Amino acid sequence: MECRIGCAACCIAITITSPIPGMPEGKPAGVRCVQLAQDNRCRLFGKPERPAVCGGFTAEEYTCGQTNEDAFRILAQLEALTAPAS
């Protein structure tokens, strides 16, 4: 599956715990990554400073569904299921 250009669900819906340029503590779920351009494209794509977790994420139907809305819903559910108990 190819990543849907402009979706950015993985850059918003999930927690990223590794440092991101401009977000040294990472980012919490539901917060837009500062490296997303207005068109939802990653400014770090293909660059060495891009976090490994981001580079390792691949679009799959089980995580991204058929639409951008599916991707946000699925990733938010996975985030909730894997979040540490508070």
PDB file of N, CA and C in Angstrom:
ATOM      1  N   MET A   1       0.854  -1.180   0.000  1.00  0.00           N
ATOM      2  CA  MET A   1       0.000   0.000   0.000  1.00  0.00           C
ATOM      3  C   MET A   1       0.895   1.235   0.000  1.00  0.00           C
ATOM      4  N   GLU A   2       0.525   2.225  -0.763  1.00  0.00           N
ATOM      5  CA  GLU A   2       1.238   3.500  -0.780  1.00  0.00           C
ATOM      6  C   GLU A   2       0.604   4.448   0.231  1.00  0.00           C
ATOM      7  N   CYS A   3       1.436   5.235   0.863  1.00  0.00           N
ATOM      8  CA  CYS A   3       0.955   6.258   1.780  1.00  0.00           C
ATOM      9  C   CYS A   3       0.113   7.260   0.992  1.00  0.00           C
ATOM     10  N   ARG A   4      -1.025   7.650   1.558  1.00  0.00           N
ATOM     11  CA  ARG A   4      -1.868   8.661   0.907  1.00  0.00           C
ATOM     12  C   ARG A   4      -1.271  10.033   1.180  1.00  0.00           C
ATOM     13  N   ILE A   5      -0.831  10.700   0.140  1.00  0.00           N
ATOM     14  CA  ILE A   5      -0.242  12.029   0.278  1.00  0.00           C
ATOM     15  C   ILE A   5      -1.254  12.966   0.932  1.00  0.00           C
ATOM     16  N   GLY A   6      -0.808  13.672   1.951  1.00  0.00           N
ATOM     17  CA  GLY A   6      -1.667  14.630   2.627  1.00  0.00           C
ATOM     18  C   GLY A   6      -2.477  14.054   3.774  1.00  0.00           C
ATOM     19  N   CYS A   7      -2.374  12.755   4.041  1.00  0.00           N
ATOM     20  CA  CYS A   7      -3.132  12.147   5.134  1.00  0.00           C
ATOM     21  C   CYS A   7      -2.593  12.602   6.486  1.00  0.00           C
ATOM     22  N   ALA A   8      -1.350  12.253   6.789  1.00  0.00           N
ATOM     23  CA  ALA A   8      -0.639  12.651   8.006  1.00  0.00           C
ATOM     24  C   ALA A   8      -1.229  12.113   9.299  1.00  0.00           C
ATOM     25  N   ALA A   9      -2.097  11.108   9.227  1.00  0.00           N
ATOM     26  CA  ALA A   9      -2.669  10.546  10.456  1.00  0.00           C
ATOM     27  C   ALA A   9      -1.577  10.045  11.387  1.00  0.00           C
ATOM     28  N   CYS A  10      -0.539   9.425  10.839  1.00  0.00           N
ATOM     29  CA  CYS A  10       0.545   8.897  11.677  1.00  0.00           C
ATOM     30  C   CYS A  10       1.378  10.008  12.298  1.00  0.00           C
ATOM     31  N   CYS A  11       1.290  11.212  11.770  1.00  0.00           N
ATOM     32  CA  CYS A  11       2.044  12.359  12.289  1.00  0.00           C
ATOM     33  C   CYS A  11       1.225  13.182  13.277  1.00  0.00           C
ATOM     34  N   ILE A  12      -0.013  12.774  13.478  1.00  0.00           N
ATOM     35  CA  ILE A  12      -0.898  13.512  14.375  1.00  0.00           C
ATOM     36  C   ILE A  12      -1.504  12.584  15.431  1.00  0.00           C
ATOM     37  N   ALA A  13      -2.061  11.463  15.017  1.00  0.00           N
ATOM     38  CA  ALA A  13      -2.858  10.625  15.912  1.00  0.00           C
ATOM     39  C   ALA A  13      -2.063   9.880  16.966  1.00  0.00           C
ATOM     40  N   ILE A  14      -0.807   9.548  16.693  1.00  0.00           N
ATOM     41  CA  ILE A  14      -0.062   8.691  17.609  1.00  0.00           C
ATOM     42  C   ILE A  14       0.989   9.451  18.415  1.00  0.00           C
ATOM     43  N   THR A  15       1.384   8.847  19.522  1.00  0.00           N
ATOM     44  CA  THR A  15       2.474   9.367  20.333  1.00  0.00           C
ATOM     45  C   THR A  15       3.797   9.030  19.665  1.00  0.00           C
ATOM     46  N   ILE A  16       4.703   9.970  19.635  1.00  0.00           N
ATOM     47  CA  ILE A  16       6.072   9.722  19.180  1.00  0.00           C
ATOM     48  C   ILE A  16       6.960  10.111  20.355  1.00  0.00           C
ATOM     49  N   THR A  17       7.662   9.133  20.914  1.00  0.00           N
ATOM     50  CA  THR A  17       8.450   9.380  22.124  1.00  0.00           C
ATOM     51  C   THR A  17       9.885   9.789  21.826  1.00  0.00           C
ATOM     52  N   SER A  18      10.336   9.592  20.607  1.00  0.00           N
ATOM     53  CA  SER A  18      11.705   9.976  20.277  1.00  0.00           C
ATOM     54  C   SER A  18      11.750  11.463  19.909  1.00  0.00           C
ATOM     55  N   PRO A  19      12.910  12.090  20.076  1.00  0.00           N
ATOM     56  CA  PRO A  19      13.037  13.510  19.742  1.00  0.00           C
ATOM     57  C   PRO A  19      12.778  13.775  18.261  1.00  0.00           C
ATOM     58  N   ILE A  20      12.142  14.889  18.026  1.00  0.00           N
ATOM     59  CA  ILE A  20      11.866  15.385  16.673  1.00  0.00           C
ATOM     60  C   ILE A  20      12.440  16.796  16.644  1.00  0.00           C
ATOM     61  N   PRO A  21      13.132  17.196  15.585  1.00  0.00           N
ATOM     62  CA  PRO A  21      13.590  18.591  15.539  1.00  0.00           C
ATOM     63  C   PRO A  21      12.416  19.541  15.776  1.00  0.00           C
ATOM     64  N   GLY A  22      12.559  20.377  16.781  1.00  0.00           N
ATOM     65  CA  GLY A  22      11.485  21.285  17.165  1.00  0.00           C
ATOM     66  C   GLY A  22      10.585  20.727  18.254  1.00  0.00           C
ATOM     67  N   MET A  23      10.708  19.434  18.529  1.00  0.00           N
ATOM     68  CA  MET A  23       9.941  18.767  19.591  1.00  0.00           C
ATOM     69  C   MET A  23      10.893  17.785  20.286  1.00  0.00           C
ATOM     70  N   PRO A  24      11.814  18.285  21.086  1.00  0.00           N
ATOM     71  CA  PRO A  24      12.855  17.430  21.660  1.00  0.00           C
ATOM     72  C   PRO A  24      12.338  16.327  22.586  1.00  0.00           C
ATOM     73  N   GLU A  25      11.140  16.487  23.110  1.00  0.00           N
ATOM     74  CA  GLU A  25      10.537  15.461  23.971  1.00  0.00           C
ATOM     75  C   GLU A  25       9.600  14.548  23.184  1.00  0.00           C
ATOM     76  N   GLY A  26       9.584  14.666  21.870  1.00  0.00           N
ATOM     77  CA  GLY A  26       8.622  13.915  21.065  1.00  0.00           C
ATOM     78  C   GLY A  26       7.295  14.649  21.046  1.00  0.00           C
ATOM     79  N   LYS A  27       6.214  13.911  20.781  1.00  0.00           N
ATOM     80  CA  LYS A  27       4.896  14.536  20.742  1.00  0.00           C
ATOM     81  C   LYS A  27       3.836  13.598  21.279  1.00  0.00           C
ATOM     82  N   PRO A  28       2.848  14.141  21.955  1.00  0.00           N
ATOM     83  CA  PRO A  28       1.754  13.302  22.434  1.00  0.00           C
ATOM     84  C   PRO A  28       0.748  12.988  21.323  1.00  0.00           C
ATOM     85  N   ALA A  29      -0.050  11.975  21.558  1.00  0.00           N
ATOM     86  CA  ALA A  29      -1.110  11.616  20.616  1.00  0.00           C
ATOM     87  C   ALA A  29      -2.057  12.794  20.432  1.00  0.00           C
ATOM     88  N   GLY A  30      -2.483  12.993  19.197  1.00  0.00           N
ATOM     89  CA  GLY A  30      -3.444  14.043  18.886  1.00  0.00           C
ATOM     90  C   GLY A  30      -2.830  15.400  18.629  1.00  0.00           C
ATOM     91  N   VAL A  31      -1.524  15.508  18.785  1.00  0.00           N
ATOM     92  CA  VAL A  31      -0.825  16.776  18.547  1.00  0.00           C
ATOM     93  C   VAL A  31      -0.127  16.698  17.193  1.00  0.00           C
ATOM     94  N   ARG A  32      -0.307  17.706  16.415  1.00  0.00           N
ATOM     95  CA  ARG A  32       0.310  17.783  15.088  1.00  0.00           C
ATOM     96  C   ARG A  32       1.833  17.948  15.223  1.00  0.00           C
ATOM     97  N   CYS A  33       2.595  17.160  14.494  1.00  0.00           N
ATOM     98  CA  CYS A  33       4.044  17.286  14.492  1.00  0.00           C
ATOM     99  C   CYS A  33       4.429  18.642  13.897  1.00  0.00           C
ATOM    100  N   VAL A  34       5.397  19.299  14.518  1.00  0.00           N
ATOM    101  CA  VAL A  34       5.831  20.604  14.015  1.00  0.00           C
ATOM    102  C   VAL A  34       6.507  20.501  12.656  1.00  0.00           C
ATOM    103  N   GLN A  35       6.893  19.307  12.262  1.00  0.00           N
ATOM    104  CA  GLN A  35       7.562  19.130  10.972  1.00  0.00           C
ATOM    105  C   GLN A  35       6.596  18.890   9.824  1.00  0.00           C
ATOM    106  N   LEU A  36       5.304  18.968  10.084  1.00  0.00           N
ATOM    107  CA  LEU A  36       4.318  18.851   9.007  1.00  0.00           C
ATOM    108  C   LEU A  36       4.124  20.210   8.351  1.00  0.00           C
ATOM    109  N   ALA A  37       4.267  20.237   7.053  1.00  0.00           N
ATOM    110  CA  ALA A  37       3.997  21.460   6.292  1.00  0.00           C
ATOM    111  C   ALA A  37       2.480  21.657   6.195  1.00  0.00           C
ATOM    112  N   GLN A  38       2.060  22.791   5.691  1.00  0.00           N
ATOM    113  CA  GLN A  38       0.623  23.089   5.546  1.00  0.00           C
ATOM    114  C   GLN A  38      -0.106  22.038   4.709  1.00  0.00           C
ATOM    115  N   ASP A  39       0.600  21.433   3.755  1.00  0.00           N
ATOM    116  CA  ASP A  39      -0.034  20.419   2.902  1.00  0.00           C
ATOM    117  C   ASP A  39       0.073  19.011   3.495  1.00  0.00           C
ATOM    118  N   ASN A  40       0.443  18.931   4.770  1.00  0.00           N
ATOM    119  CA  ASN A  40       0.590  17.676   5.510  1.00  0.00           C
ATOM    120  C   ASN A  40       1.717  16.784   5.003  1.00  0.00           C
ATOM    121  N   ARG A  41       2.696  17.354   4.378  1.00  0.00           N
ATOM    122  CA  ARG A  41       3.883  16.598   3.976  1.00  0.00           C
ATOM    123  C   ARG A  41       4.973  16.831   5.011  1.00  0.00           C
ATOM    124  N   CYS A  42       5.743  15.774   5.257  1.00  0.00           N
ATOM    125  CA  CYS A  42       6.812  15.843   6.253  1.00  0.00           C
ATOM    126  C   CYS A  42       8.001  16.620   5.705  1.00  0.00           C
ATOM    127  N   ARG A  43       8.430  17.609   6.461  1.00  0.00           N
ATOM    128  CA  ARG A  43       9.601  18.395   6.062  1.00  0.00           C
ATOM    129  C   ARG A  43      10.906  17.603   6.240  1.00  0.00           C
ATOM    130  N   LEU A  44      10.850  16.518   7.013  1.00  0.00           N
ATOM    131  CA  LEU A  44      12.050  15.724   7.276  1.00  0.00           C
ATOM    132  C   LEU A  44      12.145  14.465   6.425  1.00  0.00           C
ATOM    133  N   PHE A  45      11.157  14.231   5.585  1.00  0.00           N
ATOM    134  CA  PHE A  45      11.139  12.991   4.797  1.00  0.00           C
ATOM    135  C   PHE A  45      12.448  12.842   4.018  1.00  0.00           C
ATOM    136  N   GLY A  46      13.083  11.685   4.183  1.00  0.00           N
ATOM    137  CA  GLY A  46      14.324  11.403   3.477  1.00  0.00           C
ATOM    138  C   GLY A  46      15.565  12.013   4.086  1.00  0.00           C
ATOM    139  N   LYS A  47      15.416  12.730   5.203  1.00  0.00           N
ATOM    140  CA  LYS A  47      16.562  13.382   5.843  1.00  0.00           C
ATOM    141  C   LYS A  47      17.010  12.559   7.056  1.00  0.00           C
ATOM    142  N   PRO A  48      18.293  12.612   7.383  1.00  0.00           N
ATOM    143  CA  PRO A  48      18.803  11.810   8.500  1.00  0.00           C
ATOM    144  C   PRO A  48      18.229  12.205   9.862  1.00  0.00           C
ATOM    145  N   GLU A  49      17.780  13.427  10.017  1.00  0.00           N
ATOM    146  CA  GLU A  49      17.227  13.849  11.307  1.00  0.00           C
ATOM    147  C   GLU A  49      15.791  13.378  11.538  1.00  0.00           C
ATOM    148  N   ARG A  50      15.199  12.747  10.543  1.00  0.00           N
ATOM    149  CA  ARG A  50      13.856  12.186  10.707  1.00  0.00           C
ATOM    150  C   ARG A  50      13.935  11.031  11.704  1.00  0.00           C
ATOM    151  N   PRO A  51      13.056  11.012  12.715  1.00  0.00           N
ATOM    152  CA  PRO A  51      13.105   9.939  13.704  1.00  0.00           C
ATOM    153  C   PRO A  51      12.950   8.557  13.063  1.00  0.00           C
ATOM    154  N   ALA A  52      13.675   7.598  13.604  1.00  0.00           N
ATOM    155  CA  ALA A  52      13.627   6.229  13.072  1.00  0.00           C
ATOM    156  C   ALA A  52      12.216   5.658  13.116  1.00  0.00           C
ATOM    157  N   VAL A  53      11.461   5.988  14.155  1.00  0.00           N
ATOM    158  CA  VAL A  53      10.098   5.468  14.265  1.00  0.00           C
ATOM    159  C   VAL A  53       9.242   5.955  13.092  1.00  0.00           C
ATOM    160  N   CYS A  54       9.473   7.153  12.648  1.00  0.00           N
ATOM    161  CA  CYS A  54       8.724   7.693  11.508  1.00  0.00           C
ATOM    162  C   CYS A  54       9.138   6.998  10.215  1.00  0.00           C
ATOM    163  N   GLY A  55      10.436   6.840  10.033  1.00  0.00           N
ATOM    164  CA  GLY A  55      10.930   6.170   8.838  1.00  0.00           C
ATOM    165  C   GLY A  55      10.535   4.713   8.778  1.00  0.00           C
ATOM    166  N   GLY A  56      10.325   4.097   9.951  1.00  0.00           N
ATOM    167  CA  GLY A  56       9.956   2.686  10.000  1.00  0.00           C
ATOM    168  C   GLY A  56       8.478   2.422   9.822  1.00  0.00           C
ATOM    169  N   PHE A  57       7.660   3.455   9.922  1.00  0.00           N
ATOM    170  CA  PHE A  57       6.212   3.266   9.759  1.00  0.00           C
ATOM    171  C   PHE A  57       5.894   3.109   8.286  1.00  0.00           C
ATOM    172  N   THR A  58       5.180   2.066   7.951  1.00  0.00           N
ATOM    173  CA  THR A  58       4.748   1.876   6.567  1.00  0.00           C
ATOM    174  C   THR A  58       3.230   1.820   6.518  1.00  0.00           C
ATOM    175  N   ALA A  59       2.686   2.392   5.493  1.00  0.00           N
ATOM    176  CA  ALA A  59       1.242   2.375   5.313  1.00  0.00           C
ATOM    177  C   ALA A  59       0.788   0.950   5.006  1.00  0.00           C
ATOM    178  N   GLU A  60      -0.145   0.479   5.800  1.00  0.00           N
ATOM    179  CA  GLU A  60      -0.741  -0.842   5.619  1.00  0.00           C
ATOM    180  C   GLU A  60      -2.244  -0.685   5.795  1.00  0.00           C
ATOM    181  N   GLU A  61      -3.011  -1.513   5.141  1.00  0.00           N
ATOM    182  CA  GLU A  61      -4.457  -1.381   5.252  1.00  0.00           C
ATOM    183  C   GLU A  61      -4.935  -1.564   6.698  1.00  0.00           C
ATOM    184  N   TYR A  62      -4.279  -2.425   7.468  1.00  0.00           N
ATOM    185  CA  TYR A  62      -4.721  -2.648   8.840  1.00  0.00           C
ATOM    186  C   TYR A  62      -4.464  -1.444   9.745  1.00  0.00           C
ATOM    187  N   THR A  63      -3.572  -0.527   9.353  1.00  0.00           N
ATOM    188  CA  THR A  63      -3.345   0.680  10.145  1.00  0.00           C
ATOM    189  C   THR A  63      -3.944   1.925   9.502  1.00  0.00           C
ATOM    190  N   CYS A  64      -4.101   1.905   8.188  1.00  0.00           N
ATOM    191  CA  CYS A  64      -4.526   3.110   7.470  1.00  0.00           C
ATOM    192  C   CYS A  64      -5.913   3.009   6.840  1.00  0.00           C
ATOM    193  N   GLY A  65      -6.459   1.814   6.757  1.00  0.00           N
ATOM    194  CA  GLY A  65      -7.786   1.657   6.179  1.00  0.00           C
ATOM    195  C   GLY A  65      -7.853   2.104   4.729  1.00  0.00           C
ATOM    196  N   GLN A  66      -9.036   2.496   4.319  1.00  0.00           N
ATOM    197  CA  GLN A  66      -9.284   2.899   2.937  1.00  0.00           C
ATOM    198  C   GLN A  66      -9.279   4.408   2.720  1.00  0.00           C
ATOM    199  N   THR A  67      -9.425   5.163   3.805  1.00  0.00           N
ATOM    200  CA  THR A  67      -9.521   6.624   3.692  1.00  0.00           C
ATOM    201  C   THR A  67      -8.672   7.287   4.781  1.00  0.00           C
ATOM    202  N   ASN A  68      -8.455   8.578   4.657  1.00  0.00           N
ATOM    203  CA  ASN A  68      -7.747   9.329   5.696  1.00  0.00           C
ATOM    204  C   ASN A  68      -8.503   9.254   7.020  1.00  0.00           C
ATOM    205  N   GLU A  69      -9.815   9.322   6.955  1.00  0.00           N
ATOM    206  CA  GLU A  69     -10.635   9.237   8.166  1.00  0.00           C
ATOM    207  C   GLU A  69     -10.446   7.880   8.840  1.00  0.00           C
ATOM    208  N   ASP A  70     -10.395   6.799   8.031  1.00  0.00           N
ATOM    209  CA  ASP A  70     -10.121   5.461   8.578  1.00  0.00           C
ATOM    210  C   ASP A  70      -8.788   5.468   9.314  1.00  0.00           C
ATOM    211  N   ALA A  71      -7.772   6.055   8.695  1.00  0.00           N
ATOM    212  CA  ALA A  71      -6.436   6.057   9.283  1.00  0.00           C
ATOM    213  C   ALA A  71      -6.445   6.745  10.646  1.00  0.00           C
ATOM    214  N   PHE A  72      -7.082   7.894  10.760  1.00  0.00           N
ATOM    215  CA  PHE A  72      -7.146   8.590  12.041  1.00  0.00           C
ATOM    216  C   PHE A  72      -7.878   7.744  13.082  1.00  0.00           C
ATOM    217  N   ARG A  73      -8.986   7.125  12.686  1.00  0.00           N
ATOM    218  CA  ARG A  73      -9.776   6.316  13.618  1.00  0.00           C
ATOM    219  C   ARG A  73      -8.985   5.094  14.078  1.00  0.00           C
ATOM    220  N   ILE A  74      -8.394   4.365  13.135  1.00  0.00           N
ATOM    221  CA  ILE A  74      -7.644   3.146  13.461  1.00  0.00           C
ATOM    222  C   ILE A  74      -6.428   3.472  14.327  1.00  0.00           C
ATOM    223  N   LEU A  75      -5.665   4.475  13.926  1.00  0.00           N
ATOM    224  CA  LEU A  75      -4.470   4.816  14.692  1.00  0.00           C
ATOM    225  C   LEU A  75      -4.819   5.336  16.085  1.00  0.00           C
ATOM    226  N   ALA A  76      -5.911   6.066  16.214  1.00  0.00           N
ATOM    227  CA  ALA A  76      -6.347   6.530  17.542  1.00  0.00           C
ATOM    228  C   ALA A  76      -6.753   5.343  18.406  1.00  0.00           C
ATOM    229  N   GLN A  77      -7.414   4.358  17.824  1.00  0.00           N
ATOM    230  CA  GLN A  77      -7.783   3.158  18.575  1.00  0.00           C
ATOM    231  C   GLN A  77      -6.546   2.385  19.013  1.00  0.00           C
ATOM    232  N   LEU A  78      -5.594   2.211  18.108  1.00  0.00           N
ATOM    233  CA  LEU A  78      -4.356   1.512  18.451  1.00  0.00           C
ATOM    234  C   LEU A  78      -3.591   2.266  19.534  1.00  0.00           C
ATOM    235  N   GLU A  79      -3.581   3.569  19.442  1.00  0.00           N
ATOM    236  CA  GLU A  79      -2.927   4.399  20.449  1.00  0.00           C
ATOM    237  C   GLU A  79      -3.564   4.161  21.821  1.00  0.00           C
ATOM    238  N   ALA A  80      -4.886   4.171  21.873  1.00  0.00           N
ATOM    239  CA  ALA A  80      -5.589   3.971  23.134  1.00  0.00           C
ATOM    240  C   ALA A  80      -5.323   2.568  23.695  1.00  0.00           C
ATOM    241  N   LEU A  81      -5.276   1.575  22.845  1.00  0.00           N
ATOM    242  CA  LEU A  81      -5.048   0.202  23.287  1.00  0.00           C
ATOM    243  C   LEU A  81      -3.628  -0.044  23.791  1.00  0.00           C
ATOM    244  N   THR A  82      -2.684   0.742  23.313  1.00  0.00           N
ATOM    245  CA  THR A  82      -1.285   0.518  23.670  1.00  0.00           C
ATOM    246  C   THR A  82      -0.736   1.558  24.637  1.00  0.00           C
ATOM    247  N   ALA A  83      -1.543   2.521  25.024  1.00  0.00           N
ATOM    248  CA  ALA A  83      -1.096   3.564  25.957  1.00  0.00           C
ATOM    249  C   ALA A  83      -0.886   2.970  27.345  1.00  0.00           C
ATOM    250  N   PRO A  84       0.130   3.433  28.041  1.00  0.00           N
ATOM    251  CA  PRO A  84       0.350   2.955  29.417  1.00  0.00           C
ATOM    252  C   PRO A  84      -0.851   3.309  30.300  1.00  0.00           C
ATOM    253  N   ALA A  85      -1.134   2.458  31.250  1.00  0.00           N
ATOM    254  CA  ALA A  85      -2.230   2.738  32.179  1.00  0.00           C
ATOM    255  C   ALA A  85      -1.862   3.945  33.035  1.00  0.00           C
ATOM    256  N   SER A  86      -2.868   4.777  33.275  1.00  0.00           N
ATOM    257  CA  SER A  86      -2.582   5.982  34.084  1.00  0.00           C
ATOM    258  C   SER A  86      -3.165   5.866  35.457  1.00  0.00           C
TER     259      SER A  86
END
